[in-house]
Amino acid sequence: MTTAKTVIIEAFGGPEALKLVDLPLGEPGPGQIRIRHHASGLNFIDVYQRSGVYALPLPSPMGMEAAGVIEAVGDGVTHLKVGDRAAYASQPPGSYSEARVMPAAQVCPLPDAISFEDGAAMMLKGMTVQYLFRRTLPIPKGSTVLFHAAAGGVGLIACQWAQSEGITLIGTAGSDEKCALAKANGAAHVINYRTEDFASRVKDITGGKGVDVVMDAVGADTFEGSINALRPLGMFISFGAASGKPPLIDLNMLAAKGSLQVTRPTIFTHIGNHKTCQQMAKELFEKVLSGDVKIQIDQRFALADVAEAHRALEARKTTGATILTI
């Protein structure tokens, strides 16, 4: 039987829990495809899953996004055929692998002009930005957004996306170098949260008004300041918790701070519908093909070095996107 090298976890833990093994590779059933990967993307959700913050049934393969070539197609799959270039961000995990069989609905045809590496680096991050700016709360031109971790993989796409749509993005990052990177990618203003009180700086930048929207994947470290940076009726979007879970919210506090709104979306809800997922990917591809968004891959690791990649990601030593080359 054909096998594929695949990264799995057998128990939750640190990067050392990641194991590279050979797993059987079968034929796709109805509604499935088999894809041969060229590259796989790394995301903080992978860390949450590996550590048990998001519990997976064990043992479990790892990885949520990749790009490659379709090798086989099961019954009922009409949007993909053998030989197609494709990319995805999708449940269930398994993208840290040479190849896999998986559901076809969230696998998207990849335009020829977009490389496999860019495809692997952009799907989860880019469709996250798409739903943050267009689906969670459609954000009109002229709005002001505070975006935390603006020099990360999602952040750099968000900076460019906002600039392309006439949205003022205030980005935070943990070093002057990362702030400069966010600025170079379209952030209108940048704040080093290690040396400045970002909530106070936001009020200075906005003339005391506060921002329309906060987009926060950092969590515990930034929650209070984020709430204080919002204007009355503003929206706080929590889409991750890299520093730990944010505190429980007192609804009366939201009233006292100016009738604030709070939501916690996930990409997997937004892409759950096949047609919606394909449309989100199409809009992302259009941004990249037009040049409005350029995918920045700053770290590349071999599949066998996945533990090292996780260590770098958790230590916040990365900028832009990180991929595994396969």
C-alpha atoms as a PDB file:
ATOM      1  CA  MET A   1       0.000   0.000   0.000  1.00  0.00           C
ATOM      2  CA  THR A   2       1.190   3.517  -0.802  1.00  0.00           C
ATOM      3  CA  THR A   3       2.184   5.621   2.188  1.00  0.00           C
ATOM      4  CA  ALA A   4       2.851   9.308   2.790  1.00  0.00           C
ATOM      5  CA  LYS A   5       5.125  10.925   5.354  1.00  0.00           C
ATOM      6  CA  THR A   6       2.805  12.704   7.773  1.00  0.00           C
ATOM      7  CA  VAL A   7       3.304  14.703  10.973  1.00  0.00           C
ATOM      8  CA  ILE A   8       1.090  13.464  13.814  1.00  0.00           C
ATOM      9  CA  ILE A   9       0.652  13.879  17.544  1.00  0.00           C
ATOM     10  CA  GLU A  10      -0.125  10.954  19.838  1.00  0.00           C
ATOM     11  CA  ALA A  11      -0.417  13.122  22.954  1.00  0.00           C
ATOM     12  CA  PHE A  12      -0.826  16.849  23.574  1.00  0.00           C
ATOM     13  CA  GLY A  13       2.342  18.729  24.477  1.00  0.00           C
ATOM     14  CA  GLY A  14       5.170  20.919  23.257  1.00  0.00           C
ATOM     15  CA  PRO A  15       6.842  20.884  19.834  1.00  0.00           C
ATOM     16  CA  GLU A  16       8.531  17.610  20.798  1.00  0.00           C
ATOM     17  CA  ALA A  17       5.099  15.937  20.555  1.00  0.00           C
ATOM     18  CA  LEU A  18       5.219  16.268  16.761  1.00  0.00           C
ATOM     19  CA  LYS A  19       6.230  12.989  15.091  1.00  0.00           C
ATOM     20  CA  LEU A  20       6.948  12.246  11.423  1.00  0.00           C
ATOM     21  CA  VAL A  21       5.531   8.848  10.442  1.00  0.00           C
ATOM     22  CA  ASP A  22       4.433   6.938   7.346  1.00  0.00           C
ATOM     23  CA  LEU A  23       0.657   6.632   7.036  1.00  0.00           C
ATOM     24  CA  PRO A  24      -1.316   4.603   4.478  1.00  0.00           C
ATOM     25  CA  LEU A  25      -2.639   6.633   1.547  1.00  0.00           C
ATOM     26  CA  GLY A  26      -5.843   5.236   0.077  1.00  0.00           C
ATOM     27  CA  GLU A  27      -8.277   6.222  -2.646  1.00  0.00           C
ATOM     28  CA  PRO A  28     -10.768   9.073  -2.253  1.00  0.00           C
ATOM     29  CA  GLY A  29     -14.382   8.163  -1.524  1.00  0.00           C
ATOM     30  CA  PRO A  30     -17.475  10.124  -2.570  1.00  0.00           C
ATOM     31  CA  GLY A  31     -16.960  13.860  -2.092  1.00  0.00           C
ATOM     32  CA  GLN A  32     -13.219  13.449  -1.480  1.00  0.00           C
ATOM     33  CA  ILE A  33      -9.969  14.136  -3.322  1.00  0.00           C
ATOM     34  CA  ARG A  34      -6.367  12.990  -2.946  1.00  0.00           C
ATOM     35  CA  ILE A  35      -3.847  15.805  -3.124  1.00  0.00           C
ATOM     36  CA  ARG A  36      -0.048  15.635  -3.422  1.00  0.00           C
ATOM     37  CA  HIS A  37       1.320  18.563  -1.419  1.00  0.00           C
ATOM     38  CA  HIS A  38       4.102  20.895  -2.514  1.00  0.00           C
ATOM     39  CA  ALA A  39       3.999  23.099   0.599  1.00  0.00           C
ATOM     40  CA  SER A  40       2.038  23.427   3.842  1.00  0.00           C
ATOM     41  CA  GLY A  41       1.351  26.550   5.883  1.00  0.00           C
ATOM     42  CA  LEU A  42       1.850  27.017   9.633  1.00  0.00           C
ATOM     43  CA  ASN A  43      -0.705  28.831  11.762  1.00  0.00           C
ATOM     44  CA  PHE A  44      -1.255  29.478  15.453  1.00  0.00           C
ATOM     45  CA  ILE A  45      -4.261  27.164  15.400  1.00  0.00           C
ATOM     46  CA  ASP A  46      -1.715  24.359  14.875  1.00  0.00           C
ATOM     47  CA  VAL A  47      -0.104  25.299  18.192  1.00  0.00           C
ATOM     48  CA  TYR A  48      -3.501  25.332  19.939  1.00  0.00           C
ATOM     49  CA  GLN A  49      -4.258  21.862  18.562  1.00  0.00           C
ATOM     50  CA  ARG A  50      -0.841  20.416  19.367  1.00  0.00           C
ATOM     51  CA  SER A  51      -0.916  21.710  22.948  1.00  0.00           C
ATOM     52  CA  GLY A  52      -4.510  20.621  23.615  1.00  0.00           C
ATOM     53  CA  VAL A  53      -6.047  24.095  23.896  1.00  0.00           C
ATOM     54  CA  TYR A  54      -8.206  22.908  21.005  1.00  0.00           C
ATOM     55  CA  ALA A  55      -8.544  19.217  21.752  1.00  0.00           C
ATOM     56  CA  LEU A  56      -8.286  16.794  18.831  1.00  0.00           C
ATOM     57  CA  PRO A  57      -9.115  13.086  18.911  1.00  0.00           C
ATOM     58  CA  LEU A  58      -5.774  11.325  19.310  1.00  0.00           C
ATOM     59  CA  PRO A  59      -3.705  10.248  17.533  1.00  0.00           C
ATOM     60  CA  SER A  60      -4.164  13.023  14.983  1.00  0.00           C
ATOM     61  CA  PRO A  61      -2.376  14.326  11.895  1.00  0.00           C
ATOM     62  CA  MET A  62      -1.500  18.013  12.003  1.00  0.00           C
ATOM     63  CA  GLY A  63      -1.782  21.074   9.775  1.00  0.00           C
ATOM     64  CA  MET A  64      -4.675  23.082   8.350  1.00  0.00           C
ATOM     65  CA  GLU A  65      -3.562  24.548   5.000  1.00  0.00           C
ATOM     66  CA  ALA A  66      -1.531  23.455   1.984  1.00  0.00           C
ATOM     67  CA  ALA A  67      -1.183  23.607  -1.788  1.00  0.00           C
ATOM     68  CA  GLY A  68      -0.416  20.929  -4.346  1.00  0.00           C
ATOM     69  CA  VAL A  69      -1.784  18.880  -7.242  1.00  0.00           C
ATOM     70  CA  ILE A  70      -4.943  16.775  -7.337  1.00  0.00           C
ATOM     71  CA  GLU A  71      -4.034  13.089  -7.820  1.00  0.00           C
ATOM     72  CA  ALA A  72      -7.467  11.457  -7.638  1.00  0.00           C
ATOM     73  CA  VAL A  73     -11.097  12.547  -7.418  1.00  0.00           C
ATOM     74  CA  GLY A  74     -13.997  10.719  -5.776  1.00  0.00           C
ATOM     75  CA  ASP A  75     -17.598  10.494  -6.978  1.00  0.00           C
ATOM     76  CA  GLY A  76     -19.590  13.694  -6.880  1.00  0.00           C
ATOM     77  CA  VAL A  77     -16.647  16.104  -7.050  1.00  0.00           C
ATOM     78  CA  THR A  78     -17.160  18.473  -9.975  1.00  0.00           C
ATOM     79  CA  HIS A  79     -15.061  21.570  -9.223  1.00  0.00           C
ATOM     80  CA  LEU A  80     -11.710  19.739  -9.324  1.00  0.00           C
ATOM     81  CA  LYS A  81     -10.110  17.166 -11.634  1.00  0.00           C
ATOM     82  CA  VAL A  82      -6.913  15.120 -11.712  1.00  0.00           C
ATOM     83  CA  GLY A  83      -3.926  17.342 -12.490  1.00  0.00           C
ATOM     84  CA  ASP A  84      -5.466  20.553 -11.150  1.00  0.00           C
ATOM     85  CA  ARG A  85      -3.391  22.848  -9.005  1.00  0.00           C
ATOM     86  CA  ALA A  86      -5.238  23.411  -5.742  1.00  0.00           C
ATOM     87  CA  ALA A  87      -4.964  24.965  -2.275  1.00  0.00           C
ATOM     88  CA  TYR A  88      -7.030  24.874   0.884  1.00  0.00           C
ATOM     89  CA  ALA A  89      -7.538  25.811   4.492  1.00  0.00           C
ATOM     90  CA  SER A  90      -9.794  23.149   5.905  1.00  0.00           C
ATOM     91  CA  GLN A  91     -10.791  20.694   8.579  1.00  0.00           C
ATOM     92  CA  PRO A  92      -9.795  18.007   9.396  1.00  0.00           C
ATOM     93  CA  PRO A  93      -6.081  18.509  10.129  1.00  0.00           C
ATOM     94  CA  GLY A  94      -3.552  16.692   7.963  1.00  0.00           C
ATOM     95  CA  SER A  95      -1.742  19.213   5.758  1.00  0.00           C
ATOM     96  CA  TYR A  96       1.684  18.489   7.309  1.00  0.00           C
ATOM     97  CA  SER A  97       2.117  15.591   4.902  1.00  0.00           C
ATOM     98  CA  GLU A  98       3.408  14.547   1.511  1.00  0.00           C
ATOM     99  CA  ALA A  99      -0.137  13.695   0.405  1.00  0.00           C
ATOM    100  CA  ARG A 100      -3.584  13.008   1.867  1.00  0.00           C
ATOM    101  CA  VAL A 101      -7.162  12.057   1.129  1.00  0.00           C
ATOM    102  CA  MET A 102      -9.617  14.716   2.330  1.00  0.00           C
ATOM    103  CA  PRO A 103     -13.055  16.264   1.769  1.00  0.00           C
ATOM    104  CA  ALA A 104     -13.139  18.220  -1.499  1.00  0.00           C
ATOM    105  CA  ALA A 105     -15.638  20.976  -0.646  1.00  0.00           C
ATOM    106  CA  GLN A 106     -13.119  23.445   0.811  1.00  0.00           C
ATOM    107  CA  VAL A 107     -10.296  22.633  -1.635  1.00  0.00           C
ATOM    108  CA  CYS A 108     -10.034  25.445  -4.181  1.00  0.00           C
ATOM    109  CA  PRO A 109      -8.571  25.569  -7.710  1.00  0.00           C
ATOM    110  CA  LEU A 110      -5.321  27.562  -7.501  1.00  0.00           C
ATOM    111  CA  PRO A 111      -4.656  30.055 -10.316  1.00  0.00           C
ATOM    112  CA  ASP A 112      -1.560  29.277 -12.387  1.00  0.00           C
ATOM    113  CA  ALA A 113      -0.079  32.691 -11.570  1.00  0.00           C
ATOM    114  CA  ILE A 114       0.049  31.915  -7.823  1.00  0.00           C
ATOM    115  CA  SER A 115       2.891  29.650  -6.682  1.00  0.00           C
ATOM    116  CA  PHE A 116       2.361  26.576  -4.533  1.00  0.00           C
ATOM    117  CA  GLU A 117       4.354  28.225  -1.739  1.00  0.00           C
ATOM    118  CA  ASP A 118       2.197  31.360  -1.810  1.00  0.00           C
ATOM    119  CA  GLY A 119      -0.915  29.199  -2.028  1.00  0.00           C
ATOM    120  CA  ALA A 120       0.121  27.235   1.057  1.00  0.00           C
ATOM    121  CA  ALA A 121       0.944  30.425   2.949  1.00  0.00           C
ATOM    122  CA  MET A 122      -2.180  32.402   2.100  1.00  0.00           C
ATOM    123  CA  MET A 123      -5.310  30.290   2.381  1.00  0.00           C
ATOM    124  CA  LEU A 124      -6.059  30.243   6.106  1.00  0.00           C
ATOM    125  CA  LYS A 125      -4.508  33.644   6.739  1.00  0.00           C
ATOM    126  CA  GLY A 126      -5.966  35.319   3.664  1.00  0.00           C
ATOM    127  CA  MET A 127      -9.488  33.969   4.034  1.00  0.00           C
ATOM    128  CA  THR A 128      -9.317  35.012   7.686  1.00  0.00           C
ATOM    129  CA  VAL A 129      -8.630  38.567   6.531  1.00  0.00           C
ATOM    130  CA  GLN A 130     -11.446  38.275   3.991  1.00  0.00           C
ATOM    131  CA  TYR A 131     -14.016  37.334   6.627  1.00  0.00           C
ATOM    132  CA  LEU A 132     -12.694  39.952   9.074  1.00  0.00           C
ATOM    133  CA  PHE A 133     -13.085  42.795   6.580  1.00  0.00           C
ATOM    134  CA  ARG A 134     -16.057  41.646   4.509  1.00  0.00           C
ATOM    135  CA  ARG A 135     -18.182  39.135   6.414  1.00  0.00           C
ATOM    136  CA  THR A 136     -17.952  39.600  10.197  1.00  0.00           C
ATOM    137  CA  LEU A 137     -18.731  43.283   9.819  1.00  0.00           C
ATOM    138  CA  PRO A 138     -18.519  44.769   6.326  1.00  0.00           C
ATOM    139  CA  ILE A 139     -16.007  47.559   6.862  1.00  0.00           C
ATOM    140  CA  PRO A 140     -16.511  50.578   4.595  1.00  0.00           C
ATOM    141  CA  LYS A 141     -13.886  52.874   3.117  1.00  0.00           C
ATOM    142  CA  GLY A 142     -12.849  55.556   5.582  1.00  0.00           C
ATOM    143  CA  SER A 143     -13.121  53.325   8.661  1.00  0.00           C
ATOM    144  CA  THR A 144     -10.327  52.999  11.210  1.00  0.00           C
ATOM    145  CA  VAL A 145      -9.211  49.569  12.435  1.00  0.00           C
ATOM    146  CA  LEU A 146      -6.784  48.590  15.195  1.00  0.00           C
ATOM    147  CA  PHE A 147      -5.033  45.340  14.265  1.00  0.00           C
ATOM    148  CA  HIS A 148      -2.807  43.489  16.737  1.00  0.00           C
ATOM    149  CA  ALA A 149       0.214  41.418  15.638  1.00  0.00           C
ATOM    150  CA  ALA A 150       0.265  43.404  12.420  1.00  0.00           C
ATOM    151  CA  ALA A 151       3.624  41.961  11.289  1.00  0.00           C
ATOM    152  CA  GLY A 152       2.464  38.346  11.407  1.00  0.00           C
ATOM    153  CA  GLY A 153       1.167  36.259   8.543  1.00  0.00           C
ATOM    154  CA  VAL A 154      -2.442  37.408   8.941  1.00  0.00           C
ATOM    155  CA  GLY A 155      -1.361  40.926   9.891  1.00  0.00           C
ATOM    156  CA  LEU A 156       0.692  41.683   6.788  1.00  0.00           C
ATOM    157  CA  ILE A 157      -2.179  40.591   4.565  1.00  0.00           C
ATOM    158  CA  ALA A 158      -4.568  42.709   6.652  1.00  0.00           C
ATOM    159  CA  CYS A 159      -2.338  45.781   6.318  1.00  0.00           C
ATOM    160  CA  GLN A 160      -2.328  45.471   2.526  1.00  0.00           C
ATOM    161  CA  TRP A 161      -6.024  44.610   2.320  1.00  0.00           C
ATOM    162  CA  ALA A 162      -6.980  47.652   4.391  1.00  0.00           C
ATOM    163  CA  GLN A 163      -4.804  49.980   2.329  1.00  0.00           C
ATOM    164  CA  SER A 164      -6.302  48.644  -0.913  1.00  0.00           C
ATOM    165  CA  GLU A 165      -9.835  49.384   0.348  1.00  0.00           C
ATOM    166  CA  GLY A 166      -9.230  52.869   1.771  1.00  0.00           C
ATOM    167  CA  ILE A 167      -9.374  51.699   5.397  1.00  0.00           C
ATOM    168  CA  THR A 168      -7.006  53.260   7.948  1.00  0.00           C
ATOM    169  CA  LEU A 169      -5.223  50.461   9.796  1.00  0.00           C
ATOM    170  CA  ILE A 170      -3.362  51.095  13.042  1.00  0.00           C
ATOM    171  CA  GLY A 171      -1.058  48.138  13.621  1.00  0.00           C
ATOM    172  CA  THR A 172       0.627  46.966  16.809  1.00  0.00           C
ATOM    173  CA  ALA A 173       3.725  44.778  17.002  1.00  0.00           C
ATOM    174  CA  GLY A 174       6.336  43.809  19.581  1.00  0.00           C
ATOM    175  CA  SER A 175       9.442  45.449  18.145  1.00  0.00           C
ATOM    176  CA  ASP A 176      10.445  48.484  16.101  1.00  0.00           C
ATOM    177  CA  GLU A 177      11.511  46.157  13.279  1.00  0.00           C
ATOM    178  CA  LYS A 178       8.094  44.492  13.175  1.00  0.00           C
ATOM    179  CA  CYS A 179       6.402  47.894  13.291  1.00  0.00           C
ATOM    180  CA  ALA A 180       8.471  49.006  10.299  1.00  0.00           C
ATOM    181  CA  LEU A 181       7.431  45.863   8.435  1.00  0.00           C
ATOM    182  CA  ALA A 182       3.741  46.533   9.095  1.00  0.00           C
ATOM    183  CA  LYS A 183       4.179  50.147   7.950  1.00  0.00           C
ATOM    184  CA  ALA A 184       5.896  48.999   4.767  1.00  0.00           C
ATOM    185  CA  ASN A 185       2.910  46.735   4.061  1.00  0.00           C
ATOM    186  CA  GLY A 186       0.295  49.444   4.325  1.00  0.00           C
ATOM    187  CA  ALA A 187      -0.392  50.186   7.995  1.00  0.00           C
ATOM    188  CA  ALA A 188      -1.206  53.874   8.289  1.00  0.00           C
ATOM    189  CA  HIS A 189       0.147  54.023  11.852  1.00  0.00           C
ATOM    190  CA  VAL A 190       2.180  51.566  13.940  1.00  0.00           C
ATOM    191  CA  ILE A 191       2.583  51.150  17.703  1.00  0.00           C
ATOM    192  CA  ASN A 192       5.247  49.139  19.525  1.00  0.00           C
ATOM    193  CA  TYR A 193       3.107  47.682  22.306  1.00  0.00           C
ATOM    194  CA  ARG A 194       6.218  46.805  24.362  1.00  0.00           C
ATOM    195  CA  THR A 195       7.291  50.439  24.684  1.00  0.00           C
ATOM    196  CA  GLU A 196       4.002  52.345  24.328  1.00  0.00           C
ATOM    197  CA  ASP A 197       0.502  52.216  25.818  1.00  0.00           C
ATOM    198  CA  PHE A 198      -1.325  51.330  22.627  1.00  0.00           C
ATOM    199  CA  ALA A 199      -4.766  52.410  23.872  1.00  0.00           C
ATOM    200  CA  SER A 200      -3.474  55.899  24.684  1.00  0.00           C
ATOM    201  CA  ARG A 201      -1.658  56.124  21.341  1.00  0.00           C
ATOM    202  CA  VAL A 202      -4.841  55.093  19.510  1.00  0.00           C
ATOM    203  CA  LYS A 203      -6.756  57.882  21.210  1.00  0.00           C
ATOM    204  CA  ASP A 204      -4.001  60.340  20.199  1.00  0.00           C
ATOM    205  CA  ILE A 205      -4.057  59.126  16.587  1.00  0.00           C
ATOM    206  CA  THR A 206      -7.864  59.306  16.358  1.00  0.00           C
ATOM    207  CA  GLY A 207      -8.218  62.667  18.071  1.00  0.00           C
ATOM    208  CA  GLY A 208      -9.737  61.058  21.160  1.00  0.00           C
ATOM    209  CA  LYS A 209     -12.494  59.246  19.258  1.00  0.00           C
ATOM    210  CA  GLY A 210     -11.187  55.672  19.262  1.00  0.00           C
ATOM    211  CA  VAL A 211     -11.327  53.149  16.423  1.00  0.00           C
ATOM    212  CA  ASP A 212     -14.350  51.662  14.697  1.00  0.00           C
ATOM    213  CA  VAL A 213     -13.095  48.072  14.954  1.00  0.00           C
ATOM    214  CA  VAL A 214     -10.416  46.135  16.856  1.00  0.00           C
ATOM    215  CA  MET A 215      -9.164  42.864  15.342  1.00  0.00           C
ATOM    216  CA  ASP A 216      -7.324  40.854  17.976  1.00  0.00           C
ATOM    217  CA  ALA A 217      -5.708  37.417  17.800  1.00  0.00           C
ATOM    218  CA  VAL A 218      -3.401  38.059  20.781  1.00  0.00           C
ATOM    219  CA  GLY A 219      -5.974  37.611  23.541  1.00  0.00           C
ATOM    220  CA  ALA A 220      -5.240  38.107  27.227  1.00  0.00           C
ATOM    221  CA  ASP A 221      -2.408  40.644  26.852  1.00  0.00           C
ATOM    222  CA  THR A 222      -4.343  43.049  24.640  1.00  0.00           C
ATOM    223  CA  PHE A 223      -7.981  42.682  25.711  1.00  0.00           C
ATOM    224  CA  GLU A 224      -8.314  45.564  28.171  1.00  0.00           C
ATOM    225  CA  GLY A 225      -6.451  48.026  25.982  1.00  0.00           C
ATOM    226  CA  SER A 226      -8.472  46.959  22.962  1.00  0.00           C
ATOM    227  CA  ILE A 227     -11.758  47.662  24.714  1.00  0.00           C
ATOM    228  CA  ASN A 228     -10.446  51.067  25.807  1.00  0.00           C
ATOM    229  CA  ALA A 229      -9.352  51.887  22.234  1.00  0.00           C
ATOM    230  CA  LEU A 230     -12.859  51.528  20.766  1.00  0.00           C
ATOM    231  CA  ARG A 231     -15.227  54.351  19.983  1.00  0.00           C
ATOM    232  CA  PRO A 232     -18.813  54.155  21.261  1.00  0.00           C
ATOM    233  CA  LEU A 233     -20.726  51.447  19.333  1.00  0.00           C
ATOM    234  CA  GLY A 234     -17.386  50.025  18.172  1.00  0.00           C
ATOM    235  CA  MET A 235     -16.799  46.344  17.429  1.00  0.00           C
ATOM    236  CA  PHE A 236     -14.230  44.100  19.127  1.00  0.00           C
ATOM    237  CA  ILE A 237     -13.420  41.037  16.996  1.00  0.00           C
ATOM    238  CA  SER A 238     -11.489  38.334  18.844  1.00  0.00           C
ATOM    239  CA  PHE A 239     -10.162  35.705  16.428  1.00  0.00           C
ATOM    240  CA  GLY A 240      -7.366  34.077  18.421  1.00  0.00           C
ATOM    241  CA  ALA A 241      -5.577  33.983  21.763  1.00  0.00           C
ATOM    242  CA  ALA A 242      -1.830  33.691  21.230  1.00  0.00           C
ATOM    243  CA  SER A 243      -1.117  35.092  24.721  1.00  0.00           C
ATOM    244  CA  GLY A 244      -3.900  33.132  26.422  1.00  0.00           C
ATOM    245  CA  LYS A 245      -7.672  33.366  26.616  1.00  0.00           C
ATOM    246  CA  PRO A 246      -9.111  36.869  27.114  1.00  0.00           C
ATOM    247  CA  PRO A 247     -11.043  37.377  30.351  1.00  0.00           C
ATOM    248  CA  LEU A 248     -14.747  36.699  30.678  1.00  0.00           C
ATOM    249  CA  ILE A 249     -16.771  39.702  29.550  1.00  0.00           C
ATOM    250  CA  ASP A 250     -19.075  41.631  31.859  1.00  0.00           C
ATOM    251  CA  LEU A 251     -21.959  42.744  29.629  1.00  0.00           C
ATOM    252  CA  ASN A 252     -22.529  45.788  31.831  1.00  0.00           C
ATOM    253  CA  MET A 253     -18.965  46.868  31.108  1.00  0.00           C
ATOM    254  CA  LEU A 254     -19.785  46.901  27.393  1.00  0.00           C
ATOM    255  CA  ALA A 255     -22.674  49.243  28.124  1.00  0.00           C
ATOM    256  CA  ALA A 256     -20.565  51.519  30.308  1.00  0.00           C
ATOM    257  CA  LYS A 257     -17.786  51.733  27.685  1.00  0.00           C
ATOM    258  CA  GLY A 258     -20.197  52.958  25.027  1.00  0.00           C
ATOM    259  CA  SER A 259     -22.549  50.154  23.934  1.00  0.00           C
ATOM    260  CA  LEU A 260     -19.678  48.134  22.503  1.00  0.00           C
ATOM    261  CA  GLN A 261     -20.081  45.034  20.362  1.00  0.00           C
ATOM    262  CA  VAL A 262     -18.039  41.841  20.764  1.00  0.00           C
ATOM    263  CA  THR A 263     -17.796  38.742  18.563  1.00  0.00           C
ATOM    264  CA  ARG A 264     -15.618  35.621  18.333  1.00  0.00           C
ATOM    265  CA  PRO A 265     -15.759  34.232  14.775  1.00  0.00           C
ATOM    266  CA  THR A 266     -13.765  31.353  13.298  1.00  0.00           C
ATOM    267  CA  ILE A 267     -12.788  30.769   9.709  1.00  0.00           C
ATOM    268  CA  PHE A 268     -14.306  27.285   9.751  1.00  0.00           C
ATOM    269  CA  THR A 269     -17.817  28.643  10.291  1.00  0.00           C
ATOM    270  CA  HIS A 270     -17.387  31.019   7.358  1.00  0.00           C
ATOM    271  CA  ILE A 271     -15.974  28.417   4.960  1.00  0.00           C
ATOM    272  CA  GLY A 272     -18.350  25.647   6.051  1.00  0.00           C
ATOM    273  CA  ASN A 273     -20.535  26.205   3.000  1.00  0.00           C
ATOM    274  CA  HIS A 274     -18.864  25.049  -0.236  1.00  0.00           C
ATOM    275  CA  LYS A 275     -20.022  27.972  -2.390  1.00  0.00           C
ATOM    276  CA  THR A 276     -19.140  30.547   0.265  1.00  0.00           C
ATOM    277  CA  CYS A 277     -15.669  29.054   0.695  1.00  0.00           C
ATOM    278  CA  GLN A 278     -15.006  29.097  -3.050  1.00  0.00           C
ATOM    279  CA  GLN A 279     -16.184  32.722  -3.288  1.00  0.00           C
ATOM    280  CA  MET A 280     -13.989  33.772  -0.361  1.00  0.00           C
ATOM    281  CA  ALA A 281     -10.989  32.122  -2.021  1.00  0.00           C
ATOM    282  CA  LYS A 282     -11.830  33.801  -5.327  1.00  0.00           C
ATOM    283  CA  GLU A 283     -11.855  37.238  -3.676  1.00  0.00           C
ATOM    284  CA  LEU A 284      -8.534  36.465  -2.006  1.00  0.00           C
ATOM    285  CA  PHE A 285      -6.978  35.281  -5.275  1.00  0.00           C
ATOM    286  CA  GLU A 286      -8.190  38.484  -6.969  1.00  0.00           C
ATOM    287  CA  LYS A 287      -6.424  40.577  -4.333  1.00  0.00           C
ATOM    288  CA  VAL A 288      -3.188  38.667  -4.904  1.00  0.00           C
ATOM    289  CA  LEU A 289      -3.402  38.581  -8.710  1.00  0.00           C
ATOM    290  CA  SER A 290      -4.086  42.334  -8.831  1.00  0.00           C
ATOM    291  CA  GLY A 291      -0.997  43.039  -6.751  1.00  0.00           C
ATOM    292  CA  ASP A 292      -3.009  44.619  -3.928  1.00  0.00           C
ATOM    293  CA  VAL A 293      -1.804  41.822  -1.618  1.00  0.00           C
ATOM    294  CA  LYS A 294       1.641  40.231  -1.791  1.00  0.00           C
ATOM    295  CA  ILE A 295       2.287  37.119   0.278  1.00  0.00           C
ATOM    296  CA  GLN A 296       5.446  37.422   2.363  1.00  0.00           C
ATOM    297  CA  ILE A 297       7.051  34.117   3.343  1.00  0.00           C
ATOM    298  CA  ASP A 298       9.823  34.827   5.818  1.00  0.00           C
ATOM    299  CA  GLN A 299      10.454  31.313   7.181  1.00  0.00           C
ATOM    300  CA  ARG A 300      10.769  27.966   5.378  1.00  0.00           C
ATOM    301  CA  PHE A 301      11.300  24.632   7.117  1.00  0.00           C
ATOM    302  CA  ALA A 302      11.545  21.083   5.865  1.00  0.00           C
ATOM    303  CA  LEU A 303       8.740  18.736   6.927  1.00  0.00           C
ATOM    304  CA  ALA A 304      11.175  16.916   9.218  1.00  0.00           C
ATOM    305  CA  ASP A 305      11.963  20.212  10.997  1.00  0.00           C
ATOM    306  CA  VAL A 306       8.364  20.953  11.953  1.00  0.00           C
ATOM    307  CA  ALA A 307       9.157  21.067  15.702  1.00  0.00           C
ATOM    308  CA  GLU A 308      11.707  23.831  15.084  1.00  0.00           C
ATOM    309  CA  ALA A 309       9.087  25.719  13.077  1.00  0.00           C
ATOM    310  CA  HIS A 310       6.602  25.484  15.952  1.00  0.00           C
ATOM    311  CA  ARG A 311       9.205  26.747  18.436  1.00  0.00           C
ATOM    312  CA  ALA A 312       9.885  29.806  16.293  1.00  0.00           C
ATOM    313  CA  LEU A 313       6.160  30.515  15.876  1.00  0.00           C
ATOM    314  CA  GLU A 314       5.404  30.223  19.603  1.00  0.00           C
ATOM    315  CA  ALA A 315       8.363  32.403  20.553  1.00  0.00           C
ATOM    316  CA  ARG A 316       7.007  35.152  18.272  1.00  0.00           C
ATOM    317  CA  LYS A 317      10.297  35.095  16.392  1.00  0.00           C
ATOM    318  CA  THR A 318       8.549  34.918  13.024  1.00  0.00           C
ATOM    319  CA  THR A 319       7.280  37.608  10.669  1.00  0.00           C
ATOM    320  CA  GLY A 320       5.014  37.148   7.700  1.00  0.00           C
ATOM    321  CA  ALA A 321       4.145  33.569   6.799  1.00  0.00           C
ATOM    322  CA  THR A 322       5.918  30.311   7.692  1.00  0.00           C
ATOM    323  CA  ILE A 323       5.711  27.238   5.463  1.00  0.00           C
ATOM    324  CA  LEU A 324       6.870  23.658   5.379  1.00  0.00           C
ATOM    325  CA  THR A 325       8.420  22.702   2.047  1.00  0.00           C
ATOM    326  CA  ILE A 326       7.506  19.191   0.930  1.00  0.00           C
END
